[in-house]
Amino acid sequence: MIRTVSSCRLRYSIISPRILRYSSVAEAMSERRRGFERLFTDDADPWRFDTSRYEHDKREATMRALGQRRFGRAVEIGCATGALTAQLATVCDELLGLDLSETALAHARARLAETPNVRLMRGEVPGDWPEGTWDLMVFSEVLYFLSAEEIAEVSRLAHRTLDAQGMCLLVNWTGPNDLPVDGRHAVEIFRTAAPWAQDETRPAPRYRIDRFTRS
């Protein structure tokens, strides 16, 4: 079965084959940005972040995977409407949420208006990689929307900017999708593109959580 929560995967597939035909990364990123802007304009909560049991349980598992640590500077790539961001903020001194959809970020800003340690920014990786070094990086169900080449570049950037004692957390849907890269393949590309140490893998029936540190 293909995961199509609220038909989002199918709607996204309308643009993903076109991305592969573009001659430049910039053109592909621009089209992807337009696609996600349409997605969140049509439906404020397209993946049912706030009502889905799957999403709720996945967020709880993600927080458990962080252990009992507190983090100084953290970044969440693909924060969407801020559902996970709100929970991450409780264990971070400073948290940057990055997303390519301004519509999604508007919902995140409303949700996080009373959360002063969170900053939200529009951007798309790898091209808009945030400056600085990070104690925690979180990629929750975002990597497989990128091409294999983009995932590899994101991995290298993440490794380069993660603090020596930092943690990088990947969360990926493991069922079939209609995109060029699936969740398992995305993790493998990420793992092999830079000299990561894979600290832990936590499999679940429909997703996996992988924790990396710098080797």
N, C-alpha and C. Protein backbone atom coordinates (compact mmCIF):
# COMPACT_ATOMS: atom_id res chain seq x y z
N MET A 1 0.84 -1.19 0.00
CA MET A 1 0.00 0.00 0.00
C MET A 1 0.88 1.24 0.00
N ILE A 2 0.56 2.20 -0.81
CA ILE A 2 1.27 3.47 -0.87
C ILE A 2 0.69 4.41 0.17
N ARG A 3 1.54 5.05 0.94
CA ARG A 3 1.06 6.00 1.94
C ARG A 3 0.54 7.23 1.23
N THR A 4 -0.73 7.52 1.42
CA THR A 4 -1.34 8.68 0.77
C THR A 4 -2.24 9.40 1.76
N VAL A 5 -1.72 9.73 2.92
CA VAL A 5 -2.51 10.43 3.92
C VAL A 5 -3.10 11.69 3.30
N SER A 6 -4.42 11.78 3.29
CA SER A 6 -5.13 12.89 2.66
C SER A 6 -4.72 13.05 1.19
N SER A 7 -4.29 11.95 0.56
CA SER A 7 -3.87 11.95 -0.84
C SER A 7 -2.66 12.84 -1.11
N CYS A 8 -1.92 13.22 -0.07
CA CYS A 8 -0.78 14.12 -0.26
C CYS A 8 0.28 13.51 -1.13
N ARG A 9 0.58 12.24 -0.94
CA ARG A 9 1.64 11.63 -1.73
C ARG A 9 1.24 11.65 -3.21
N LEU A 10 -0.03 11.36 -3.48
CA LEU A 10 -0.47 11.34 -4.86
C LEU A 10 -0.45 12.74 -5.45
N ARG A 11 -0.85 13.73 -4.67
CA ARG A 11 -0.82 15.10 -5.18
C ARG A 11 0.60 15.55 -5.45
N TYR A 12 1.51 15.15 -4.58
CA TYR A 12 2.89 15.55 -4.81
C TYR A 12 3.46 14.87 -6.05
N SER A 13 3.00 13.65 -6.36
CA SER A 13 3.54 12.94 -7.51
C SER A 13 3.24 13.66 -8.81
N ILE A 14 2.28 14.57 -8.80
CA ILE A 14 1.99 15.35 -10.00
C ILE A 14 3.20 16.17 -10.42
N ILE A 15 4.00 16.61 -9.45
CA ILE A 15 5.14 17.45 -9.80
C ILE A 15 6.47 16.72 -9.75
N SER A 16 6.56 15.61 -9.01
CA SER A 16 7.88 15.00 -8.84
C SER A 16 8.51 14.49 -10.12
N PRO A 17 7.78 13.87 -11.08
CA PRO A 17 8.45 13.46 -12.30
C PRO A 17 8.98 14.65 -13.09
N ARG A 18 8.31 15.77 -13.02
CA ARG A 18 8.76 16.96 -13.74
C ARG A 18 10.07 17.46 -13.18
N ILE A 19 10.24 17.35 -11.87
CA ILE A 19 11.47 17.81 -11.24
C ILE A 19 12.67 17.12 -11.86
N LEU A 20 12.53 15.83 -12.18
CA LEU A 20 13.66 15.07 -12.71
C LEU A 20 14.10 15.57 -14.07
N ARG A 21 13.23 16.27 -14.80
CA ARG A 21 13.57 16.70 -16.15
C ARG A 21 14.22 18.08 -16.19
N TYR A 22 14.24 18.78 -15.04
CA TYR A 22 14.81 20.11 -15.05
C TYR A 22 16.32 20.07 -15.19
N SER A 23 16.87 21.08 -15.84
CA SER A 23 18.30 21.11 -16.14
C SER A 23 19.12 21.63 -14.98
N SER A 24 18.50 22.23 -13.99
CA SER A 24 19.26 22.78 -12.87
C SER A 24 18.56 22.48 -11.56
N VAL A 25 19.37 22.41 -10.49
CA VAL A 25 18.81 22.20 -9.16
C VAL A 25 17.88 23.34 -8.80
N ALA A 26 18.23 24.56 -9.21
CA ALA A 26 17.40 25.73 -8.88
C ALA A 26 16.01 25.59 -9.47
N GLU A 27 15.91 25.10 -10.70
CA GLU A 27 14.60 24.92 -11.32
C GLU A 27 13.80 23.85 -10.59
N ALA A 28 14.46 22.76 -10.21
CA ALA A 28 13.77 21.70 -9.48
C ALA A 28 13.27 22.20 -8.13
N MET A 29 14.11 22.95 -7.43
CA MET A 29 13.72 23.48 -6.13
C MET A 29 12.55 24.44 -6.26
N SER A 30 12.56 25.26 -7.29
CA SER A 30 11.48 26.21 -7.50
C SER A 30 10.16 25.49 -7.72
N GLU A 31 10.18 24.44 -8.53
CA GLU A 31 8.96 23.68 -8.79
C GLU A 31 8.48 22.96 -7.53
N ARG A 32 9.39 22.41 -6.78
CA ARG A 32 9.02 21.72 -5.55
C ARG A 32 8.40 22.72 -4.56
N ARG A 33 8.98 23.90 -4.49
CA ARG A 33 8.44 24.93 -3.59
C ARG A 33 7.00 25.28 -3.99
N ARG A 34 6.77 25.45 -5.27
CA ARG A 34 5.41 25.76 -5.73
C ARG A 34 4.45 24.62 -5.39
N GLY A 35 4.92 23.39 -5.55
CA GLY A 35 4.06 22.25 -5.25
C GLY A 35 3.64 22.20 -3.79
N PHE A 36 4.58 22.42 -2.89
CA PHE A 36 4.23 22.39 -1.47
C PHE A 36 3.42 23.61 -1.07
N GLU A 37 3.63 24.73 -1.73
CA GLU A 37 2.81 25.91 -1.44
C GLU A 37 1.36 25.62 -1.81
N ARG A 38 1.16 24.99 -2.96
CA ARG A 38 -0.21 24.61 -3.35
C ARG A 38 -0.79 23.63 -2.34
N LEU A 39 0.03 22.68 -1.91
CA LEU A 39 -0.43 21.65 -0.99
C LEU A 39 -0.98 22.26 0.30
N PHE A 40 -0.22 23.16 0.91
CA PHE A 40 -0.65 23.75 2.18
C PHE A 40 -1.70 24.84 2.00
N THR A 41 -1.80 25.39 0.80
CA THR A 41 -2.88 26.33 0.52
C THR A 41 -4.21 25.59 0.40
N ASP A 42 -4.18 24.43 -0.22
CA ASP A 42 -5.39 23.63 -0.39
C ASP A 42 -5.87 23.02 0.92
N ASP A 43 -4.94 22.68 1.81
CA ASP A 43 -5.28 21.99 3.05
C ASP A 43 -4.28 22.42 4.12
N ALA A 44 -4.75 23.07 5.16
CA ALA A 44 -3.86 23.61 6.19
C ALA A 44 -3.12 22.51 6.95
N ASP A 45 -3.67 21.29 6.97
CA ASP A 45 -3.02 20.18 7.68
C ASP A 45 -3.07 18.94 6.79
N PRO A 46 -2.31 18.93 5.70
CA PRO A 46 -2.46 17.87 4.70
C PRO A 46 -2.07 16.49 5.19
N TRP A 47 -1.16 16.39 6.12
CA TRP A 47 -0.77 15.08 6.65
C TRP A 47 -1.42 14.78 7.99
N ARG A 48 -2.37 15.60 8.39
CA ARG A 48 -3.09 15.40 9.65
C ARG A 48 -2.13 15.33 10.84
N PHE A 49 -1.19 16.28 10.87
CA PHE A 49 -0.23 16.33 11.97
C PHE A 49 -0.92 16.41 13.33
N ASP A 50 -2.04 17.12 13.38
CA ASP A 50 -2.69 17.38 14.67
C ASP A 50 -3.73 16.35 15.06
N THR A 51 -4.14 15.49 14.14
CA THR A 51 -5.23 14.56 14.45
C THR A 51 -4.88 13.10 14.21
N SER A 52 -3.81 12.82 13.47
CA SER A 52 -3.46 11.44 13.12
C SER A 52 -2.75 10.74 14.28
N ARG A 53 -3.20 9.53 14.60
CA ARG A 53 -2.53 8.73 15.62
C ARG A 53 -1.12 8.38 15.19
N TYR A 54 -0.94 8.08 13.90
CA TYR A 54 0.39 7.80 13.37
C TYR A 54 1.33 8.97 13.63
N GLU A 55 0.90 10.19 13.31
CA GLU A 55 1.75 11.36 13.50
C GLU A 55 2.05 11.60 14.98
N HIS A 56 1.04 11.43 15.81
CA HIS A 56 1.24 11.63 17.25
C HIS A 56 2.25 10.63 17.80
N ASP A 57 2.07 9.35 17.47
CA ASP A 57 2.97 8.32 17.99
C ASP A 57 4.38 8.51 17.46
N LYS A 58 4.50 8.93 16.20
CA LYS A 58 5.82 9.15 15.60
C LYS A 58 6.55 10.30 16.31
N ARG A 59 5.84 11.36 16.62
CA ARG A 59 6.46 12.47 17.35
C ARG A 59 6.94 12.02 18.73
N GLU A 60 6.12 11.22 19.41
CA GLU A 60 6.53 10.74 20.73
C GLU A 60 7.76 9.86 20.63
N ALA A 61 7.81 9.00 19.61
CA ALA A 61 8.98 8.14 19.41
C ALA A 61 10.21 8.97 19.06
N THR A 62 10.01 10.02 18.29
CA THR A 62 11.12 10.91 17.94
C THR A 62 11.70 11.57 19.19
N MET A 63 10.84 12.02 20.07
CA MET A 63 11.32 12.66 21.29
C MET A 63 12.05 11.65 22.18
N ARG A 64 11.56 10.41 22.24
CA ARG A 64 12.24 9.39 23.04
C ARG A 64 13.63 9.10 22.48
N ALA A 65 13.76 9.15 21.16
CA ALA A 65 15.05 8.85 20.52
C ALA A 65 16.11 9.88 20.88
N LEU A 66 15.70 11.05 21.33
CA LEU A 66 16.66 12.08 21.74
C LEU A 66 17.30 11.78 23.08
N GLY A 67 16.73 10.82 23.81
CA GLY A 67 17.25 10.51 25.13
C GLY A 67 16.90 11.60 26.12
N GLN A 68 17.73 11.75 27.12
CA GLN A 68 17.48 12.74 28.17
C GLN A 68 18.31 14.00 27.99
N ARG A 69 18.85 14.18 26.80
CA ARG A 69 19.74 15.32 26.56
C ARG A 69 18.98 16.63 26.41
N ARG A 70 19.69 17.69 26.70
CA ARG A 70 19.22 19.02 26.34
C ARG A 70 20.22 19.58 25.34
N PHE A 71 19.70 20.30 24.34
CA PHE A 71 20.53 20.77 23.23
C PHE A 71 20.60 22.29 23.24
N GLY A 72 21.76 22.80 22.86
CA GLY A 72 21.93 24.24 22.77
C GLY A 72 21.28 24.79 21.52
N ARG A 73 21.91 24.58 20.37
CA ARG A 73 21.39 25.07 19.09
C ARG A 73 20.90 23.88 18.27
N ALA A 74 19.67 23.96 17.81
CA ALA A 74 19.07 22.87 17.04
C ALA A 74 18.39 23.42 15.80
N VAL A 75 18.32 22.57 14.77
CA VAL A 75 17.61 22.94 13.55
C VAL A 75 16.73 21.77 13.13
N GLU A 76 15.51 22.09 12.76
CA GLU A 76 14.57 21.11 12.20
C GLU A 76 14.36 21.46 10.74
N ILE A 77 14.78 20.57 9.86
CA ILE A 77 14.62 20.78 8.43
C ILE A 77 13.27 20.23 8.00
N GLY A 78 12.44 21.08 7.41
CA GLY A 78 11.10 20.66 7.00
C GLY A 78 10.14 20.68 8.17
N CYS A 79 10.05 21.81 8.85
CA CYS A 79 9.24 21.89 10.07
C CYS A 79 7.74 21.95 9.79
N ALA A 80 7.35 22.27 8.56
CA ALA A 80 5.93 22.34 8.17
C ALA A 80 5.16 23.26 9.13
N THR A 81 4.07 22.76 9.70
CA THR A 81 3.22 23.61 10.53
C THR A 81 3.65 23.67 11.99
N GLY A 82 4.78 23.05 12.32
CA GLY A 82 5.35 23.21 13.65
C GLY A 82 4.89 22.24 14.72
N ALA A 83 4.24 21.15 14.34
CA ALA A 83 3.76 20.20 15.35
C ALA A 83 4.92 19.56 16.11
N LEU A 84 5.91 19.06 15.39
CA LEU A 84 7.09 18.50 16.05
C LEU A 84 7.95 19.60 16.64
N THR A 85 8.01 20.73 15.97
CA THR A 85 8.81 21.86 16.45
C THR A 85 8.44 22.24 17.88
N ALA A 86 7.15 22.24 18.16
CA ALA A 86 6.69 22.62 19.50
C ALA A 86 7.25 21.69 20.57
N GLN A 87 7.36 20.41 20.25
CA GLN A 87 7.91 19.46 21.22
C GLN A 87 9.43 19.57 21.30
N LEU A 88 10.08 19.72 20.16
CA LEU A 88 11.53 19.88 20.17
C LEU A 88 11.95 21.11 20.98
N ALA A 89 11.14 22.14 20.93
CA ALA A 89 11.48 23.38 21.64
C ALA A 89 11.63 23.17 23.14
N THR A 90 11.01 22.14 23.67
CA THR A 90 11.08 21.89 25.12
C THR A 90 12.44 21.35 25.55
N VAL A 91 13.26 20.89 24.59
CA VAL A 91 14.56 20.33 24.95
C VAL A 91 15.72 21.08 24.29
N CYS A 92 15.43 22.25 23.73
CA CYS A 92 16.45 23.03 23.03
C CYS A 92 16.48 24.46 23.57
N ASP A 93 17.67 25.00 23.71
CA ASP A 93 17.79 26.41 24.10
C ASP A 93 17.40 27.32 22.94
N GLU A 94 17.87 26.97 21.74
CA GLU A 94 17.53 27.71 20.53
C GLU A 94 17.17 26.70 19.45
N LEU A 95 16.08 26.95 18.75
CA LEU A 95 15.63 26.04 17.71
C LEU A 95 15.24 26.82 16.46
N LEU A 96 15.82 26.44 15.34
CA LEU A 96 15.46 27.01 14.05
C LEU A 96 14.62 26.00 13.29
N GLY A 97 13.44 26.43 12.84
CA GLY A 97 12.60 25.60 11.98
C GLY A 97 12.66 26.13 10.56
N LEU A 98 13.03 25.27 9.63
CA LEU A 98 13.18 25.66 8.23
C LEU A 98 12.16 24.92 7.38
N ASP A 99 11.46 25.64 6.52
CA ASP A 99 10.52 24.99 5.61
C ASP A 99 10.43 25.80 4.33
N LEU A 100 10.10 25.11 3.24
CA LEU A 100 10.03 25.79 1.95
C LEU A 100 8.69 26.45 1.70
N SER A 101 7.65 26.14 2.48
CA SER A 101 6.32 26.69 2.26
C SER A 101 6.03 27.83 3.21
N GLU A 102 5.80 29.02 2.68
CA GLU A 102 5.45 30.16 3.52
C GLU A 102 4.09 29.95 4.15
N THR A 103 3.19 29.26 3.47
CA THR A 103 1.87 28.98 4.04
C THR A 103 1.99 28.08 5.26
N ALA A 104 2.80 27.03 5.15
CA ALA A 104 3.02 26.15 6.31
C ALA A 104 3.66 26.93 7.45
N LEU A 105 4.61 27.79 7.14
CA LEU A 105 5.28 28.57 8.17
C LEU A 105 4.33 29.54 8.87
N ALA A 106 3.35 30.05 8.15
CA ALA A 106 2.37 30.93 8.78
C ALA A 106 1.61 30.18 9.87
N HIS A 107 1.25 28.93 9.59
CA HIS A 107 0.58 28.11 10.61
C HIS A 107 1.54 27.82 11.77
N ALA A 108 2.81 27.56 11.45
CA ALA A 108 3.79 27.31 12.51
C ALA A 108 3.97 28.54 13.39
N ARG A 109 4.01 29.71 12.78
CA ARG A 109 4.17 30.94 13.57
C ARG A 109 3.01 31.14 14.54
N ALA A 110 1.81 30.83 14.08
CA ALA A 110 0.65 30.95 14.95
C ALA A 110 0.74 29.95 16.11
N ARG A 111 1.14 28.74 15.81
CA ARG A 111 1.25 27.71 16.84
C ARG A 111 2.32 28.06 17.88
N LEU A 112 3.42 28.66 17.41
CA LEU A 112 4.59 28.87 18.25
C LEU A 112 4.76 30.32 18.71
N ALA A 113 3.70 31.08 18.62
CA ALA A 113 3.77 32.51 18.95
C ALA A 113 4.26 32.77 20.37
N GLU A 114 3.99 31.85 21.28
CA GLU A 114 4.39 32.01 22.68
C GLU A 114 5.61 31.15 23.02
N THR A 115 6.39 30.81 22.01
CA THR A 115 7.58 29.97 22.22
C THR A 115 8.81 30.76 21.80
N PRO A 116 9.39 31.53 22.71
CA PRO A 116 10.42 32.51 22.33
C PRO A 116 11.74 31.91 21.86
N ASN A 117 12.00 30.65 22.16
CA ASN A 117 13.29 30.07 21.75
C ASN A 117 13.25 29.46 20.36
N VAL A 118 12.15 29.67 19.62
CA VAL A 118 12.02 29.14 18.26
C VAL A 118 12.06 30.28 17.25
N ARG A 119 12.84 30.07 16.21
CA ARG A 119 12.90 30.99 15.08
C ARG A 119 12.53 30.20 13.83
N LEU A 120 11.69 30.77 12.98
CA LEU A 120 11.24 30.10 11.77
C LEU A 120 11.74 30.84 10.55
N MET A 121 12.13 30.08 9.53
CA MET A 121 12.71 30.68 8.35
C MET A 121 12.29 29.89 7.11
N ARG A 122 12.00 30.62 6.05
CA ARG A 122 11.69 29.96 4.79
C ARG A 122 12.99 29.60 4.08
N GLY A 123 13.09 28.38 3.63
CA GLY A 123 14.28 27.94 2.91
C GLY A 123 14.13 26.49 2.51
N GLU A 124 14.99 26.09 1.59
CA GLU A 124 14.94 24.73 1.06
C GLU A 124 16.36 24.19 0.95
N VAL A 125 16.57 23.03 1.49
CA VAL A 125 17.90 22.42 1.41
C VAL A 125 18.00 21.57 0.13
N PRO A 126 19.24 21.46 -0.40
CA PRO A 126 20.49 21.92 0.18
C PRO A 126 20.84 23.38 -0.07
N GLY A 127 20.14 24.05 -0.98
CA GLY A 127 20.55 25.39 -1.40
C GLY A 127 20.51 26.44 -0.32
N ASP A 128 19.57 26.34 0.62
CA ASP A 128 19.42 27.34 1.68
C ASP A 128 19.90 26.81 3.02
N TRP A 129 20.99 26.09 3.00
CA TRP A 129 21.48 25.49 4.25
C TRP A 129 21.76 26.58 5.29
N PRO A 130 21.24 26.41 6.51
CA PRO A 130 21.39 27.46 7.53
C PRO A 130 22.83 27.59 8.02
N GLU A 131 23.22 28.80 8.33
CA GLU A 131 24.59 29.07 8.78
C GLU A 131 24.78 28.65 10.23
N GLY A 132 26.02 28.39 10.57
CA GLY A 132 26.36 28.07 11.95
C GLY A 132 26.57 26.59 12.16
N THR A 133 26.86 26.23 13.42
CA THR A 133 26.98 24.84 13.81
C THR A 133 25.84 24.48 14.74
N TRP A 134 25.54 23.17 14.82
CA TRP A 134 24.33 22.72 15.48
C TRP A 134 24.61 21.55 16.40
N ASP A 135 23.93 21.55 17.54
CA ASP A 135 24.01 20.44 18.47
C ASP A 135 23.02 19.33 18.12
N LEU A 136 21.95 19.71 17.42
CA LEU A 136 20.93 18.75 17.02
C LEU A 136 20.38 19.14 15.66
N MET A 137 20.26 18.14 14.78
CA MET A 137 19.58 18.31 13.49
C MET A 137 18.50 17.25 13.38
N VAL A 138 17.32 17.66 12.96
CA VAL A 138 16.21 16.73 12.81
C VAL A 138 15.66 16.84 11.39
N PHE A 139 15.57 15.69 10.72
CA PHE A 139 14.96 15.59 9.40
C PHE A 139 13.81 14.59 9.52
N SER A 140 12.59 15.07 9.69
CA SER A 140 11.45 14.17 9.86
C SER A 140 10.61 14.11 8.59
N GLU A 141 10.66 12.97 7.94
CA GLU A 141 9.89 12.71 6.72
C GLU A 141 10.08 13.81 5.68
N VAL A 142 11.33 14.09 5.38
CA VAL A 142 11.63 15.14 4.40
C VAL A 142 12.62 14.67 3.34
N LEU A 143 13.54 13.77 3.70
CA LEU A 143 14.63 13.43 2.78
C LEU A 143 14.15 12.85 1.47
N TYR A 144 13.12 12.00 1.50
CA TYR A 144 12.71 11.32 0.26
C TYR A 144 11.98 12.23 -0.71
N PHE A 145 11.75 13.47 -0.33
CA PHE A 145 11.24 14.44 -1.29
C PHE A 145 12.37 15.06 -2.11
N LEU A 146 13.60 14.74 -1.76
CA LEU A 146 14.77 15.23 -2.48
C LEU A 146 15.26 14.17 -3.46
N SER A 147 16.07 14.60 -4.42
CA SER A 147 16.72 13.65 -5.31
C SER A 147 17.88 12.99 -4.57
N ALA A 148 18.39 11.89 -5.13
CA ALA A 148 19.53 11.21 -4.51
C ALA A 148 20.73 12.15 -4.38
N GLU A 149 20.96 12.96 -5.41
CA GLU A 149 22.08 13.90 -5.38
C GLU A 149 21.89 14.94 -4.28
N GLU A 150 20.66 15.42 -4.11
CA GLU A 150 20.39 16.41 -3.07
C GLU A 150 20.56 15.81 -1.68
N ILE A 151 20.11 14.56 -1.50
CA ILE A 151 20.27 13.90 -0.20
C ILE A 151 21.74 13.78 0.16
N ALA A 152 22.55 13.40 -0.82
CA ALA A 152 23.99 13.27 -0.57
C ALA A 152 24.61 14.61 -0.18
N GLU A 153 24.21 15.67 -0.86
CA GLU A 153 24.73 17.00 -0.53
C GLU A 153 24.26 17.45 0.85
N VAL A 154 23.00 17.17 1.18
CA VAL A 154 22.49 17.49 2.51
C VAL A 154 23.28 16.74 3.58
N SER A 155 23.59 15.49 3.33
CA SER A 155 24.38 14.71 4.29
C SER A 155 25.74 15.34 4.53
N ARG A 156 26.39 15.75 3.46
CA ARG A 156 27.72 16.36 3.61
C ARG A 156 27.64 17.68 4.37
N LEU A 157 26.63 18.48 4.06
CA LEU A 157 26.45 19.75 4.76
C LEU A 157 26.14 19.52 6.24
N ALA A 158 25.29 18.54 6.51
CA ALA A 158 24.93 18.24 7.90
C ALA A 158 26.16 17.79 8.68
N HIS A 159 26.94 16.92 8.09
CA HIS A 159 28.14 16.43 8.77
C HIS A 159 29.12 17.56 9.04
N ARG A 160 29.23 18.46 8.08
CA ARG A 160 30.18 19.57 8.20
C ARG A 160 29.77 20.56 9.29
N THR A 161 28.48 20.72 9.52
CA THR A 161 28.00 21.76 10.44
C THR A 161 27.46 21.21 11.76
N LEU A 162 27.50 19.90 11.95
CA LEU A 162 27.09 19.32 13.23
C LEU A 162 28.23 19.43 14.22
N ASP A 163 27.91 19.85 15.44
CA ASP A 163 28.92 19.93 16.48
C ASP A 163 29.54 18.56 16.72
N ALA A 164 30.78 18.55 17.19
CA ALA A 164 31.50 17.30 17.40
C ALA A 164 30.76 16.34 18.32
N GLN A 165 30.00 16.86 19.27
CA GLN A 165 29.23 16.03 20.19
C GLN A 165 27.74 16.03 19.85
N GLY A 166 27.41 16.48 18.64
CA GLY A 166 26.01 16.65 18.27
C GLY A 166 25.33 15.37 17.82
N MET A 167 24.04 15.49 17.56
CA MET A 167 23.20 14.37 17.14
C MET A 167 22.42 14.77 15.90
N CYS A 168 22.34 13.86 14.95
CA CYS A 168 21.53 14.05 13.74
C CYS A 168 20.48 12.95 13.72
N LEU A 169 19.21 13.33 13.65
CA LEU A 169 18.11 12.38 13.72
C LEU A 169 17.33 12.39 12.41
N LEU A 170 17.17 11.20 11.83
CA LEU A 170 16.37 11.04 10.62
C LEU A 170 15.13 10.24 10.95
N VAL A 171 13.98 10.69 10.49
CA VAL A 171 12.72 9.96 10.63
C VAL A 171 12.15 9.79 9.23
N ASN A 172 11.86 8.54 8.85
CA ASN A 172 11.42 8.28 7.48
C ASN A 172 10.32 7.23 7.43
N TRP A 173 9.29 7.52 6.66
CA TRP A 173 8.27 6.56 6.29
C TRP A 173 8.94 5.45 5.50
N THR A 174 8.62 4.17 5.81
CA THR A 174 9.29 3.05 5.16
C THR A 174 8.41 2.28 4.19
N GLY A 175 7.16 2.69 4.05
CA GLY A 175 6.30 2.05 3.07
C GLY A 175 6.61 2.55 1.67
N PRO A 176 5.94 1.97 0.67
CA PRO A 176 6.16 2.42 -0.71
C PRO A 176 5.64 3.84 -0.91
N ASN A 177 6.28 4.55 -1.80
CA ASN A 177 5.77 5.85 -2.20
C ASN A 177 5.90 5.98 -3.70
N ASP A 178 5.46 7.09 -4.24
CA ASP A 178 5.49 7.29 -5.69
C ASP A 178 6.54 8.34 -6.05
N LEU A 179 7.61 8.39 -5.25
CA LEU A 179 8.71 9.33 -5.47
C LEU A 179 9.95 8.55 -5.92
N PRO A 180 10.92 9.23 -6.50
CA PRO A 180 12.12 8.52 -6.99
C PRO A 180 12.92 7.82 -5.89
N VAL A 181 12.86 8.31 -4.65
CA VAL A 181 13.62 7.74 -3.54
C VAL A 181 12.65 7.39 -2.42
N ASP A 182 12.77 6.17 -1.86
CA ASP A 182 11.92 5.83 -0.72
C ASP A 182 12.70 6.05 0.58
N GLY A 183 12.03 5.84 1.70
CA GLY A 183 12.62 6.15 2.98
C GLY A 183 13.89 5.36 3.28
N ARG A 184 13.86 4.06 3.03
CA ARG A 184 15.05 3.24 3.31
C ARG A 184 16.23 3.66 2.44
N HIS A 185 15.96 3.90 1.17
CA HIS A 185 17.02 4.32 0.26
C HIS A 185 17.57 5.69 0.68
N ALA A 186 16.69 6.58 1.11
CA ALA A 186 17.12 7.91 1.55
C ALA A 186 18.11 7.81 2.70
N VAL A 187 17.82 6.93 3.66
CA VAL A 187 18.73 6.75 4.80
C VAL A 187 20.08 6.22 4.33
N GLU A 188 20.07 5.27 3.41
CA GLU A 188 21.32 4.68 2.94
C GLU A 188 22.17 5.71 2.20
N ILE A 189 21.52 6.53 1.37
CA ILE A 189 22.26 7.59 0.66
C ILE A 189 22.87 8.55 1.67
N PHE A 190 22.08 8.96 2.64
CA PHE A 190 22.55 9.90 3.66
C PHE A 190 23.72 9.31 4.43
N ARG A 191 23.60 8.05 4.82
CA ARG A 191 24.63 7.40 5.65
C ARG A 191 25.96 7.29 4.94
N THR A 192 25.93 7.00 3.64
CA THR A 192 27.17 6.72 2.92
C THR A 192 27.80 7.97 2.29
N ALA A 193 27.10 9.09 2.29
CA ALA A 193 27.62 10.29 1.63
C ALA A 193 28.64 11.05 2.48
N ALA A 194 28.69 10.75 3.77
CA ALA A 194 29.63 11.42 4.68
C ALA A 194 30.06 10.41 5.74
N PRO A 195 31.16 10.66 6.42
CA PRO A 195 31.67 9.68 7.41
C PRO A 195 30.89 9.70 8.72
N TRP A 196 29.64 9.26 8.67
CA TRP A 196 28.80 9.23 9.85
C TRP A 196 29.07 7.98 10.69
N ALA A 197 28.81 8.09 11.97
CA ALA A 197 28.70 6.93 12.85
C ALA A 197 27.21 6.75 13.14
N GLN A 198 26.66 5.58 12.76
CA GLN A 198 25.23 5.34 12.99
C GLN A 198 25.07 4.85 14.42
N ASP A 199 24.55 5.71 15.24
CA ASP A 199 24.46 5.46 16.67
C ASP A 199 23.35 4.49 17.02
N GLU A 200 22.22 4.59 16.32
CA GLU A 200 21.08 3.74 16.66
C GLU A 200 20.05 3.79 15.54
N THR A 201 19.37 2.66 15.34
CA THR A 201 18.22 2.60 14.44
C THR A 201 17.04 2.06 15.23
N ARG A 202 15.92 2.76 15.15
CA ARG A 202 14.70 2.32 15.84
C ARG A 202 13.61 2.06 14.80
N PRO A 203 13.42 0.79 14.44
CA PRO A 203 12.38 0.49 13.45
C PRO A 203 10.99 0.48 14.09
N ALA A 204 10.01 0.89 13.34
CA ALA A 204 8.60 0.83 13.74
C ALA A 204 7.83 0.24 12.56
N PRO A 205 6.58 -0.15 12.75
CA PRO A 205 5.85 -0.79 11.65
C PRO A 205 5.79 0.02 10.37
N ARG A 206 5.71 1.36 10.45
CA ARG A 206 5.55 2.16 9.24
C ARG A 206 6.62 3.23 9.06
N TYR A 207 7.56 3.29 9.97
CA TYR A 207 8.62 4.28 9.84
C TYR A 207 9.86 3.78 10.56
N ARG A 208 10.95 4.48 10.39
CA ARG A 208 12.18 4.18 11.11
C ARG A 208 12.81 5.48 11.59
N ILE A 209 13.50 5.39 12.71
CA ILE A 209 14.24 6.53 13.25
C ILE A 209 15.72 6.13 13.31
N ASP A 210 16.56 6.93 12.68
CA ASP A 210 17.99 6.66 12.66
C ASP A 210 18.73 7.82 13.32
N ARG A 211 19.63 7.47 14.21
CA ARG A 211 20.38 8.47 14.95
C ARG A 211 21.85 8.39 14.55
N PHE A 212 22.40 9.53 14.14
CA PHE A 212 23.78 9.58 13.68
C PHE A 212 24.59 10.56 14.52
N THR A 213 25.87 10.26 14.62
CA THR A 213 26.83 11.19 15.20
C THR A 213 28.02 11.28 14.25
N ARG A 214 28.87 12.25 14.48
CA ARG A 214 30.07 12.37 13.66
C ARG A 214 31.09 11.32 14.10
N SER A 215 31.69 10.66 13.12
CA SER A 215 32.70 9.64 13.46
C SER A 215 34.07 10.29 13.61
